[in-house]
Amino acid sequence: MAIQRIILDTDIGTNPDDCLAMALVLASRELELVAVTTVHGDVSLRARIALKLLRLRGIHGLPVAMGADRPLLRKRPVYWAGHEGQGLLEPADKALQPSKHHAVDLIMDAVMGRPGEITLVAIGPLTNVALAFLREPRLAENLAGLVVMGGVVGGTQALHLPRTEHNFRSDPEAAQLALRAVPAGAPVTIVPLDVTTQVFIRPHDLERIRTAGDAYHHAVAGQVSLYPPFVQRGWGYLHDPLAVAALIEPSLVTTEPLRAVVETAGEQTAGELLVALPVPDAPATADVALEVDAPRAERFIVDRLAAG
């Protein structure tokens, strides 16, 4: 079995789906986590969250690096919910020390040091990714792939969703730059919001995860159960875990090669993902997930989290 080495670029701590995505990576023997990089807002706190979960898992020494805390052009507000770290971090965890390297440098060094071996999984705003492409023009051709959770494609499901999704809306310029840079090199997969909002986690799923019985699994389940929207609704979305699951088991989603670009100028549409069928003078730039086998995806993710 070929092992896929990945860097997880994340805004972990706000929506617990980032926590679940990292847990899915750690539970999957098909993947080797090379590093974690944090983005958007208090990246130091986000790094401590990642480090705490890794420590509870018994993993020491894996690089966790802080990245960009604001959008590329400083034009967009930084979203910070205020509950980040609650129920997980304790006063003693202030001693947890992320890497001295900046996230962008870590991404560049890792990818260029292992050309063609590392897939970048971006489940937060794409600021770190864009900066890495700007710093190292050869990065795209040396990546094994780029997997992005972001955007809203359209269709019936999207009528109930905003036109723009959080990761792209938070830094449209970075999303635009990243999607323009990579097609020259590595393959790109985009898993958009209208697909991820069809996949759920529920209280009985959390109980299955808790039955593993150790502090790590309790922490993972606890982050979901404490999330205010989960408390209000009684269920949550598996946005970021689905992006990871699609990397492990591509048959969970149906993708289409499309030309994908991100709008940056519209007052109401900045961050909107625009897709179209490829034509000779405008070829496909990404494989975009359009459908998901939701029941199978939910079972796949929860089974892995409960067993791993």
C-alpha atoms as a PDB file:
ATOM      1  CA  MET A   1       0.000   0.000   0.000  1.00  0.00           C
ATOM      2  CA  ALA A   2       1.415   3.366  -1.046  1.00  0.00           C
ATOM      3  CA  ILE A   3       1.558   5.868   1.823  1.00  0.00           C
ATOM      4  CA  GLN A   4       0.590   9.450   0.991  1.00  0.00           C
ATOM      5  CA  ARG A   5       2.618  12.018   2.912  1.00  0.00           C
ATOM      6  CA  ILE A   6       0.631  15.130   3.752  1.00  0.00           C
ATOM      7  CA  ILE A   7       0.943  18.559   5.315  1.00  0.00           C
ATOM      8  CA  LEU A   8      -2.284  19.689   6.982  1.00  0.00           C
ATOM      9  CA  ASP A   9      -2.808  23.460   6.717  1.00  0.00           C
ATOM     10  CA  THR A  10      -5.601  24.328   9.129  1.00  0.00           C
ATOM     11  CA  ASP A  11      -7.516  26.949  11.097  1.00  0.00           C
ATOM     12  CA  ILE A  12      -8.086  24.359  13.807  1.00  0.00           C
ATOM     13  CA  GLY A  13     -10.000  25.462  16.887  1.00  0.00           C
ATOM     14  CA  THR A  14     -12.988  27.365  15.539  1.00  0.00           C
ATOM     15  CA  ASN A  15     -15.128  24.721  13.852  1.00  0.00           C
ATOM     16  CA  PRO A  16     -14.239  21.292  15.324  1.00  0.00           C
ATOM     17  CA  ASP A  17     -14.283  19.741  11.867  1.00  0.00           C
ATOM     18  CA  ASP A  18     -10.568  20.645  11.625  1.00  0.00           C
ATOM     19  CA  CYS A  19      -9.968  18.604  14.768  1.00  0.00           C
ATOM     20  CA  LEU A  20     -11.901  15.708  13.251  1.00  0.00           C
ATOM     21  CA  ALA A  21      -9.957  16.023  10.007  1.00  0.00           C
ATOM     22  CA  MET A  22      -6.628  15.802  11.816  1.00  0.00           C
ATOM     23  CA  ALA A  23      -7.924  12.851  13.834  1.00  0.00           C
ATOM     24  CA  LEU A  24      -8.940  11.123  10.600  1.00  0.00           C
ATOM     25  CA  VAL A  25      -5.446  11.629   9.198  1.00  0.00           C
ATOM     26  CA  LEU A  26      -3.904  10.135  12.337  1.00  0.00           C
ATOM     27  CA  ALA A  27      -6.320   7.189  12.221  1.00  0.00           C
ATOM     28  CA  SER A  28      -5.533   6.325   8.596  1.00  0.00           C
ATOM     29  CA  ARG A  29      -2.578   4.109   7.754  1.00  0.00           C
ATOM     30  CA  GLU A  30      -2.790   5.295   4.140  1.00  0.00           C
ATOM     31  CA  LEU A  31      -1.559   8.721   5.263  1.00  0.00           C
ATOM     32  CA  GLU A  32       1.609   9.965   6.927  1.00  0.00           C
ATOM     33  CA  LEU A  33       1.285  13.360   8.585  1.00  0.00           C
ATOM     34  CA  VAL A  34       4.523  15.244   7.901  1.00  0.00           C
ATOM     35  CA  ALA A  35       3.587  18.563   9.524  1.00  0.00           C
ATOM     36  CA  VAL A  36       0.713  20.774  10.649  1.00  0.00           C
ATOM     37  CA  THR A  37       0.589  24.471   9.779  1.00  0.00           C
ATOM     38  CA  THR A  38      -1.887  26.949  11.222  1.00  0.00           C
ATOM     39  CA  VAL A  39      -3.539  29.926   9.562  1.00  0.00           C
ATOM     40  CA  HIS A  40      -5.960  32.810  10.220  1.00  0.00           C
ATOM     41  CA  GLY A  41      -6.399  34.596  13.537  1.00  0.00           C
ATOM     42  CA  ASP A  42      -4.505  33.562  16.663  1.00  0.00           C
ATOM     43  CA  VAL A  43      -2.231  31.086  14.929  1.00  0.00           C
ATOM     44  CA  SER A  44      -0.278  30.536  18.162  1.00  0.00           C
ATOM     45  CA  LEU A  45      -3.406  29.324  19.949  1.00  0.00           C
ATOM     46  CA  ARG A  46      -4.302  27.173  16.966  1.00  0.00           C
ATOM     47  CA  ALA A  47      -0.824  25.641  17.048  1.00  0.00           C
ATOM     48  CA  ARG A  48      -1.197  24.814  20.743  1.00  0.00           C
ATOM     49  CA  ILE A  49      -4.526  23.108  20.026  1.00  0.00           C
ATOM     50  CA  ALA A  50      -2.854  20.932  17.392  1.00  0.00           C
ATOM     51  CA  LEU A  51       0.089  20.205  19.686  1.00  0.00           C
ATOM     52  CA  LYS A  52      -2.209  19.280  22.577  1.00  0.00           C
ATOM     53  CA  LEU A  53      -4.147  16.810  20.442  1.00  0.00           C
ATOM     54  CA  LEU A  54      -0.914  15.305  19.115  1.00  0.00           C
ATOM     55  CA  ARG A  55       0.425  14.930  22.670  1.00  0.00           C
ATOM     56  CA  LEU A  56      -2.791  13.219  23.782  1.00  0.00           C
ATOM     57  CA  ARG A  57      -2.334  10.896  20.828  1.00  0.00           C
ATOM     58  CA  GLY A  58       1.194  10.135  22.019  1.00  0.00           C
ATOM     59  CA  ILE A  59       2.906  11.920  19.120  1.00  0.00           C
ATOM     60  CA  HIS A  60       5.940  14.052  19.946  1.00  0.00           C
ATOM     61  CA  GLY A  61       8.288  15.877  17.625  1.00  0.00           C
ATOM     62  CA  LEU A  62       5.960  16.322  14.658  1.00  0.00           C
ATOM     63  CA  PRO A  63       6.431  19.908  13.378  1.00  0.00           C
ATOM     64  CA  VAL A  64       3.573  22.308  14.048  1.00  0.00           C
ATOM     65  CA  ALA A  65       4.226  25.772  12.629  1.00  0.00           C
ATOM     66  CA  MET A  66       2.385  29.073  12.868  1.00  0.00           C
ATOM     67  CA  GLY A  67       1.520  30.831   9.620  1.00  0.00           C
ATOM     68  CA  ALA A  68      -0.260  33.940   8.399  1.00  0.00           C
ATOM     69  CA  ASP A  69      -2.665  35.421  10.915  1.00  0.00           C
ATOM     70  CA  ARG A  70      -4.331  37.837   8.471  1.00  0.00           C
ATOM     71  CA  PRO A  71      -5.410  37.755   4.817  1.00  0.00           C
ATOM     72  CA  LEU A  72      -2.917  38.566   2.075  1.00  0.00           C
ATOM     73  CA  LEU A  73      -4.135  42.102   1.363  1.00  0.00           C
ATOM     74  CA  ARG A  74      -5.390  42.835   4.902  1.00  0.00           C
ATOM     75  CA  LYS A  75      -8.734  43.788   3.340  1.00  0.00           C
ATOM     76  CA  ARG A  76     -10.923  41.180   5.050  1.00  0.00           C
ATOM     77  CA  PRO A  77     -11.816  40.854   8.730  1.00  0.00           C
ATOM     78  CA  VAL A  78     -10.421  37.915  10.670  1.00  0.00           C
ATOM     79  CA  TYR A  79     -13.172  35.697  12.009  1.00  0.00           C
ATOM     80  CA  TRP A  80     -12.630  34.657  15.614  1.00  0.00           C
ATOM     81  CA  ALA A  81     -15.508  32.956  17.429  1.00  0.00           C
ATOM     82  CA  GLY A  82     -14.005  33.235  20.915  1.00  0.00           C
ATOM     83  CA  HIS A  83     -14.454  29.643  22.051  1.00  0.00           C
ATOM     84  CA  GLU A  84     -11.210  28.391  20.489  1.00  0.00           C
ATOM     85  CA  GLY A  85      -9.361  26.065  22.859  1.00  0.00           C
ATOM     86  CA  GLN A  86     -12.130  25.837  25.426  1.00  0.00           C
ATOM     87  CA  GLY A  87     -12.538  22.388  26.911  1.00  0.00           C
ATOM     88  CA  LEU A  88      -9.107  21.355  25.639  1.00  0.00           C
ATOM     89  CA  LEU A  89      -6.342  23.781  26.538  1.00  0.00           C
ATOM     90  CA  GLU A  90      -5.304  24.262  30.157  1.00  0.00           C
ATOM     91  CA  PRO A  91      -3.009  26.929  31.661  1.00  0.00           C
ATOM     92  CA  ALA A  92      -0.052  24.528  31.560  1.00  0.00           C
ATOM     93  CA  ASP A  93      -0.486  24.154  27.794  1.00  0.00           C
ATOM     94  CA  LYS A  94       0.943  27.630  27.281  1.00  0.00           C
ATOM     95  CA  ALA A  95       4.273  25.831  27.499  1.00  0.00           C
ATOM     96  CA  LEU A  96       3.538  23.911  24.301  1.00  0.00           C
ATOM     97  CA  GLN A  97       6.004  25.271  21.772  1.00  0.00           C
ATOM     98  CA  PRO A  98       5.364  25.241  18.021  1.00  0.00           C
ATOM     99  CA  SER A  99       8.189  25.130  15.516  1.00  0.00           C
ATOM    100  CA  LYS A 100      10.466  28.153  15.268  1.00  0.00           C
ATOM    101  CA  HIS A 101       9.986  28.045  11.503  1.00  0.00           C
ATOM    102  CA  HIS A 102       7.189  29.966   9.825  1.00  0.00           C
ATOM    103  CA  ALA A 103       4.512  27.771   8.274  1.00  0.00           C
ATOM    104  CA  VAL A 104       5.370  28.997   4.777  1.00  0.00           C
ATOM    105  CA  ASP A 105       9.022  28.073   5.208  1.00  0.00           C
ATOM    106  CA  LEU A 106       8.067  24.681   6.612  1.00  0.00           C
ATOM    107  CA  ILE A 107       5.796  23.968   3.631  1.00  0.00           C
ATOM    108  CA  MET A 108       8.468  25.053   1.154  1.00  0.00           C
ATOM    109  CA  ASP A 109      11.285  23.095   2.800  1.00  0.00           C
ATOM    110  CA  ALA A 110       9.234  19.920   3.175  1.00  0.00           C
ATOM    111  CA  VAL A 111       7.911  19.917  -0.388  1.00  0.00           C
ATOM    112  CA  MET A 112      11.156  20.905  -2.069  1.00  0.00           C
ATOM    113  CA  GLY A 113      13.039  18.395   0.078  1.00  0.00           C
ATOM    114  CA  ARG A 114      10.739  15.559  -1.074  1.00  0.00           C
ATOM    115  CA  PRO A 115       9.719  16.512  -4.616  1.00  0.00           C
ATOM    116  CA  GLY A 116       6.601  14.771  -5.813  1.00  0.00           C
ATOM    117  CA  GLU A 117       5.951  13.091  -2.456  1.00  0.00           C
ATOM    118  CA  ILE A 118       3.873  15.520  -0.391  1.00  0.00           C
ATOM    119  CA  THR A 119       0.204  16.433  -0.750  1.00  0.00           C
ATOM    120  CA  LEU A 120      -0.895  19.711   0.793  1.00  0.00           C
ATOM    121  CA  VAL A 121      -4.318  19.437   2.422  1.00  0.00           C
ATOM    122  CA  ALA A 122      -5.703  22.944   2.962  1.00  0.00           C
ATOM    123  CA  ILE A 123      -8.764  23.084   5.225  1.00  0.00           C
ATOM    124  CA  GLY A 124      -8.583  26.754   6.223  1.00  0.00           C
ATOM    125  CA  PRO A 125      -8.191  30.059   4.370  1.00  0.00           C
ATOM    126  CA  LEU A 126      -5.523  29.648   1.704  1.00  0.00           C
ATOM    127  CA  THR A 127      -3.175  32.419   2.865  1.00  0.00           C
ATOM    128  CA  ASN A 128      -0.256  30.147   3.783  1.00  0.00           C
ATOM    129  CA  VAL A 129      -0.653  28.220   0.545  1.00  0.00           C
ATOM    130  CA  ALA A 130      -0.650  31.352  -1.598  1.00  0.00           C
ATOM    131  CA  LEU A 131       2.370  32.782   0.210  1.00  0.00           C
ATOM    132  CA  ALA A 132       4.277  29.535  -0.300  1.00  0.00           C
ATOM    133  CA  PHE A 133       3.579  29.655  -4.047  1.00  0.00           C
ATOM    134  CA  LEU A 134       4.705  33.278  -4.178  1.00  0.00           C
ATOM    135  CA  ARG A 135       7.910  32.520  -2.306  1.00  0.00           C
ATOM    136  CA  GLU A 136       8.810  29.411  -4.301  1.00  0.00           C
ATOM    137  CA  PRO A 137       7.585  29.402  -7.923  1.00  0.00           C
ATOM    138  CA  ARG A 138       8.664  25.754  -8.332  1.00  0.00           C
ATOM    139  CA  LEU A 139       6.483  24.580  -5.458  1.00  0.00           C
ATOM    140  CA  ALA A 140       3.484  23.600  -7.598  1.00  0.00           C
ATOM    141  CA  GLU A 141       5.473  21.300  -9.834  1.00  0.00           C
ATOM    142  CA  ASN A 142       7.021  19.594  -6.811  1.00  0.00           C
ATOM    143  CA  LEU A 143       3.770  18.904  -4.935  1.00  0.00           C
ATOM    144  CA  ALA A 144       2.148  15.497  -5.224  1.00  0.00           C
ATOM    145  CA  GLY A 145      -1.219  17.263  -5.034  1.00  0.00           C
ATOM    146  CA  LEU A 146      -3.352  19.933  -3.420  1.00  0.00           C
ATOM    147  CA  VAL A 147      -6.633  19.081  -1.686  1.00  0.00           C
ATOM    148  CA  VAL A 148      -8.830  22.043  -0.738  1.00  0.00           C
ATOM    149  CA  MET A 149     -12.013  22.243   1.286  1.00  0.00           C
ATOM    150  CA  GLY A 150     -13.665  25.394   0.041  1.00  0.00           C
ATOM    151  CA  GLY A 151     -16.114  27.174  -2.203  1.00  0.00           C
ATOM    152  CA  VAL A 152     -19.726  26.619  -3.206  1.00  0.00           C
ATOM    153  CA  VAL A 153     -20.298  25.177  -6.661  1.00  0.00           C
ATOM    154  CA  GLY A 154     -24.041  25.459  -7.216  1.00  0.00           C
ATOM    155  CA  GLY A 155     -26.990  23.232  -7.938  1.00  0.00           C
ATOM    156  CA  THR A 156     -30.101  22.644  -5.856  1.00  0.00           C
ATOM    157  CA  GLN A 157     -28.191  22.120  -2.611  1.00  0.00           C
ATOM    158  CA  ALA A 158     -26.452  25.489  -2.965  1.00  0.00           C
ATOM    159  CA  LEU A 159     -29.780  27.374  -2.983  1.00  0.00           C
ATOM    160  CA  HIS A 160     -29.816  26.876   0.789  1.00  0.00           C
ATOM    161  CA  LEU A 161     -26.218  28.067   1.221  1.00  0.00           C
ATOM    162  CA  PRO A 162     -24.405  31.399   1.054  1.00  0.00           C
ATOM    163  CA  ARG A 163     -22.793  32.272  -2.272  1.00  0.00           C
ATOM    164  CA  THR A 164     -19.388  32.228  -0.619  1.00  0.00           C
ATOM    165  CA  GLU A 165     -17.820  29.730   1.753  1.00  0.00           C
ATOM    166  CA  HIS A 166     -15.749  30.752   4.800  1.00  0.00           C
ATOM    167  CA  ASN A 167     -12.293  29.595   3.668  1.00  0.00           C
ATOM    168  CA  PHE A 168     -12.469  31.356   0.305  1.00  0.00           C
ATOM    169  CA  ARG A 169     -14.375  34.363   1.630  1.00  0.00           C
ATOM    170  CA  SER A 170     -11.774  34.953   4.366  1.00  0.00           C
ATOM    171  CA  ASP A 171      -9.010  35.482   1.789  1.00  0.00           C
ATOM    172  CA  PRO A 172     -10.322  35.532  -1.792  1.00  0.00           C
ATOM    173  CA  GLU A 173      -7.056  36.807  -3.211  1.00  0.00           C
ATOM    174  CA  ALA A 174      -5.139  33.912  -1.668  1.00  0.00           C
ATOM    175  CA  ALA A 175      -7.681  31.382  -2.968  1.00  0.00           C
ATOM    176  CA  GLN A 176      -7.496  32.888  -6.447  1.00  0.00           C
ATOM    177  CA  LEU A 177      -3.705  32.839  -6.434  1.00  0.00           C
ATOM    178  CA  ALA A 178      -3.473  29.278  -5.123  1.00  0.00           C
ATOM    179  CA  LEU A 179      -5.879  27.852  -7.695  1.00  0.00           C
ATOM    180  CA  ARG A 180      -4.074  29.697 -10.483  1.00  0.00           C
ATOM    181  CA  ALA A 181      -0.634  28.523  -9.396  1.00  0.00           C
ATOM    182  CA  VAL A 182      -1.106  24.796  -8.980  1.00  0.00           C
ATOM    183  CA  PRO A 183      -2.527  23.615 -12.325  1.00  0.00           C
ATOM    184  CA  ALA A 184       0.898  24.125 -13.861  1.00  0.00           C
ATOM    185  CA  GLY A 185       2.109  21.361 -11.597  1.00  0.00           C
ATOM    186  CA  ALA A 186       0.269  19.111  -9.169  1.00  0.00           C
ATOM    187  CA  PRO A 187      -3.327  17.870  -9.448  1.00  0.00           C
ATOM    188  CA  VAL A 188      -5.923  19.826  -7.475  1.00  0.00           C
ATOM    189  CA  THR A 189      -9.047  18.477  -5.782  1.00  0.00           C
ATOM    190  CA  ILE A 190     -11.703  20.849  -4.434  1.00  0.00           C
ATOM    191  CA  VAL A 191     -14.361  19.591  -2.019  1.00  0.00           C
ATOM    192  CA  PRO A 192     -16.980  22.373  -1.802  1.00  0.00           C
ATOM    193  CA  LEU A 193     -19.564  23.310   0.775  1.00  0.00           C
ATOM    194  CA  ASP A 194     -22.580  22.058  -1.156  1.00  0.00           C
ATOM    195  CA  VAL A 195     -21.075  18.559  -0.949  1.00  0.00           C
ATOM    196  CA  THR A 196     -19.764  18.692   2.625  1.00  0.00           C
ATOM    197  CA  THR A 197     -23.111  19.911   3.998  1.00  0.00           C
ATOM    198  CA  GLN A 198     -24.601  16.562   3.012  1.00  0.00           C
ATOM    199  CA  VAL A 199     -22.403  14.678   5.499  1.00  0.00           C
ATOM    200  CA  PHE A 200     -23.176  14.807   9.244  1.00  0.00           C
ATOM    201  CA  ILE A 201     -21.878  13.793  12.654  1.00  0.00           C
ATOM    202  CA  ARG A 202     -24.433  13.118  15.400  1.00  0.00           C
ATOM    203  CA  PRO A 203     -24.432  12.492  19.170  1.00  0.00           C
ATOM    204  CA  HIS A 204     -24.389   8.703  18.787  1.00  0.00           C
ATOM    205  CA  ASP A 205     -21.298   9.049  16.571  1.00  0.00           C
ATOM    206  CA  LEU A 206     -19.544  10.971  19.336  1.00  0.00           C
ATOM    207  CA  GLU A 207     -20.405   8.210  21.793  1.00  0.00           C
ATOM    208  CA  ARG A 208     -18.768   5.695  19.481  1.00  0.00           C
ATOM    209  CA  ILE A 209     -15.609   7.825  19.398  1.00  0.00           C
ATOM    210  CA  ARG A 210     -15.628   8.184  23.184  1.00  0.00           C
ATOM    211  CA  THR A 211     -15.857   4.423  23.654  1.00  0.00           C
ATOM    212  CA  ALA A 212     -12.221   4.169  22.613  1.00  0.00           C
ATOM    213  CA  GLY A 213     -11.781   5.209  26.228  1.00  0.00           C
ATOM    214  CA  ASP A 214      -8.603   7.289  26.204  1.00  0.00           C
ATOM    215  CA  ALA A 215      -8.025  10.990  26.782  1.00  0.00           C
ATOM    216  CA  TYR A 216      -7.360  11.647  23.100  1.00  0.00           C
ATOM    217  CA  HIS A 217     -10.682  10.271  21.861  1.00  0.00           C
ATOM    218  CA  HIS A 218     -12.539  12.023  24.668  1.00  0.00           C
ATOM    219  CA  ALA A 219     -10.874  15.293  23.652  1.00  0.00           C
ATOM    220  CA  VAL A 220     -11.789  14.843  19.986  1.00  0.00           C
ATOM    221  CA  ALA A 221     -15.426  14.070  20.799  1.00  0.00           C
ATOM    222  CA  GLY A 222     -15.495  16.836  23.383  1.00  0.00           C
ATOM    223  CA  GLN A 223     -14.473  19.500  20.913  1.00  0.00           C
ATOM    224  CA  VAL A 224     -17.487  18.616  18.776  1.00  0.00           C
ATOM    225  CA  SER A 225     -19.965  18.328  21.634  1.00  0.00           C
ATOM    226  CA  LEU A 226     -18.940  21.759  22.998  1.00  0.00           C
ATOM    227  CA  TYR A 227     -19.219  23.545  19.651  1.00  0.00           C
ATOM    228  CA  PRO A 228     -22.121  26.036  19.973  1.00  0.00           C
ATOM    229  CA  PRO A 229     -23.816  25.193  16.627  1.00  0.00           C
ATOM    230  CA  PHE A 230     -23.638  21.479  17.475  1.00  0.00           C
ATOM    231  CA  VAL A 231     -25.244  22.173  20.863  1.00  0.00           C
ATOM    232  CA  GLN A 232     -28.009  24.187  19.195  1.00  0.00           C
ATOM    233  CA  ARG A 233     -28.722  21.790  16.320  1.00  0.00           C
ATOM    234  CA  GLY A 234     -27.819  18.433  17.814  1.00  0.00           C
ATOM    235  CA  TRP A 235     -25.586  17.559  14.845  1.00  0.00           C
ATOM    236  CA  GLY A 236     -22.635  18.936  12.923  1.00  0.00           C
ATOM    237  CA  TYR A 237     -21.186  18.958   9.415  1.00  0.00           C
ATOM    238  CA  LEU A 238     -18.138  16.935   8.385  1.00  0.00           C
ATOM    239  CA  HIS A 239     -16.692  19.562   6.043  1.00  0.00           C
ATOM    240  CA  ASP A 240     -12.952  19.071   6.509  1.00  0.00           C
ATOM    241  CA  PRO A 241     -13.027  15.344   7.316  1.00  0.00           C
ATOM    242  CA  LEU A 242     -14.746  14.744   3.982  1.00  0.00           C
ATOM    243  CA  ALA A 243     -11.852  16.413   2.160  1.00  0.00           C
ATOM    244  CA  VAL A 244      -9.441  14.065   3.943  1.00  0.00           C
ATOM    245  CA  ALA A 245     -11.703  11.058   3.352  1.00  0.00           C
ATOM    246  CA  ALA A 246     -11.829  11.847  -0.375  1.00  0.00           C
ATOM    247  CA  LEU A 247      -8.029  11.715  -0.448  1.00  0.00           C
ATOM    248  CA  ILE A 248      -8.016   8.300   1.232  1.00  0.00           C
ATOM    249  CA  GLU A 249     -11.012   6.821  -0.601  1.00  0.00           C
ATOM    250  CA  PRO A 250     -11.761   8.825  -3.763  1.00  0.00           C
ATOM    251  CA  SER A 251     -14.863   6.759  -4.574  1.00  0.00           C
ATOM    252  CA  LEU A 252     -16.726   8.483  -1.730  1.00  0.00           C
ATOM    253  CA  VAL A 253     -17.203  11.516  -3.964  1.00  0.00           C
ATOM    254  CA  THR A 254     -17.896  12.039  -7.641  1.00  0.00           C
ATOM    255  CA  THR A 255     -15.579  14.600  -9.179  1.00  0.00           C
ATOM    256  CA  GLU A 256     -15.552  16.399 -12.498  1.00  0.00           C
ATOM    257  CA  PRO A 257     -12.553  18.101 -14.119  1.00  0.00           C
ATOM    258  CA  LEU A 258     -13.576  21.750 -14.334  1.00  0.00           C
ATOM    259  CA  ARG A 259     -12.079  25.150 -14.803  1.00  0.00           C
ATOM    260  CA  ALA A 260     -12.234  26.719 -11.345  1.00  0.00           C
ATOM    261  CA  VAL A 261     -11.555  30.366 -10.523  1.00  0.00           C
ATOM    262  CA  VAL A 262     -12.259  32.554  -7.497  1.00  0.00           C
ATOM    263  CA  GLU A 263     -13.943  35.951  -7.722  1.00  0.00           C
ATOM    264  CA  THR A 264     -12.167  38.725  -5.803  1.00  0.00           C
ATOM    265  CA  ALA A 265     -13.758  42.010  -6.850  1.00  0.00           C
ATOM    266  CA  GLY A 266     -17.488  41.720  -6.186  1.00  0.00           C
ATOM    267  CA  GLU A 267     -18.904  43.468  -3.147  1.00  0.00           C
ATOM    268  CA  GLN A 268     -21.270  40.547  -2.518  1.00  0.00           C
ATOM    269  CA  THR A 269     -19.375  37.800  -4.325  1.00  0.00           C
ATOM    270  CA  ALA A 270     -15.719  38.130  -3.287  1.00  0.00           C
ATOM    271  CA  GLY A 271     -14.601  34.587  -2.576  1.00  0.00           C
ATOM    272  CA  GLU A 272     -17.194  32.986  -4.842  1.00  0.00           C
ATOM    273  CA  LEU A 273     -15.989  29.844  -6.620  1.00  0.00           C
ATOM    274  CA  LEU A 274     -16.854  29.887 -10.316  1.00  0.00           C
ATOM    275  CA  VAL A 275     -16.652  26.649 -12.273  1.00  0.00           C
ATOM    276  CA  ALA A 276     -17.185  25.797 -15.916  1.00  0.00           C
ATOM    277  CA  LEU A 277     -16.695  22.875 -18.236  1.00  0.00           C
ATOM    278  CA  PRO A 278     -13.253  22.962 -19.847  1.00  0.00           C
ATOM    279  CA  VAL A 279     -12.788  24.057 -23.454  1.00  0.00           C
ATOM    280  CA  PRO A 280      -9.616  23.999 -25.558  1.00  0.00           C
ATOM    281  CA  ASP A 281      -8.565  27.559 -24.706  1.00  0.00           C
ATOM    282  CA  ALA A 282      -9.657  27.242 -21.030  1.00  0.00           C
ATOM    283  CA  PRO A 283      -8.677  23.774 -19.786  1.00  0.00           C
ATOM    284  CA  ALA A 284      -9.685  22.149 -16.512  1.00  0.00           C
ATOM    285  CA  THR A 285      -7.760  23.347 -13.481  1.00  0.00           C
ATOM    286  CA  ALA A 286      -9.188  21.109 -10.741  1.00  0.00           C
ATOM    287  CA  ASP A 287     -11.179  17.990 -10.023  1.00  0.00           C
ATOM    288  CA  VAL A 288     -14.243  19.357  -8.237  1.00  0.00           C
ATOM    289  CA  ALA A 289     -16.448  17.144  -6.063  1.00  0.00           C
ATOM    290  CA  LEU A 290     -20.052  17.440  -7.215  1.00  0.00           C
ATOM    291  CA  GLU A 291     -21.682  14.515  -5.419  1.00  0.00           C
ATOM    292  CA  VAL A 292     -21.056  12.424  -2.325  1.00  0.00           C
ATOM    293  CA  ASP A 293     -22.242   9.032  -1.144  1.00  0.00           C
ATOM    294  CA  ALA A 294     -23.233  10.587   2.160  1.00  0.00           C
ATOM    295  CA  PRO A 295     -24.184   7.459   4.172  1.00  0.00           C
ATOM    296  CA  ARG A 296     -20.985   5.686   3.161  1.00  0.00           C
ATOM    297  CA  ALA A 297     -18.857   8.776   3.814  1.00  0.00           C
ATOM    298  CA  GLU A 298     -20.347   9.187   7.290  1.00  0.00           C
ATOM    299  CA  ARG A 299     -19.686   5.524   8.114  1.00  0.00           C
ATOM    300  CA  PHE A 300     -16.175   5.712   6.726  1.00  0.00           C
ATOM    301  CA  ILE A 301     -15.233   8.765   8.783  1.00  0.00           C
ATOM    302  CA  VAL A 302     -16.870   7.719  12.057  1.00  0.00           C
ATOM    303  CA  ASP A 303     -15.601   4.132  11.804  1.00  0.00           C
ATOM    304  CA  ARG A 304     -12.053   5.403  11.383  1.00  0.00           C
ATOM    305  CA  LEU A 305     -12.354   7.907  14.234  1.00  0.00           C
ATOM    306  CA  ALA A 306     -13.871   5.331  16.579  1.00  0.00           C
ATOM    307  CA  ALA A 307     -11.274   2.674  15.787  1.00  0.00           C
ATOM    308  CA  GLY A 308      -8.136   4.714  15.295  1.00  0.00           C
END
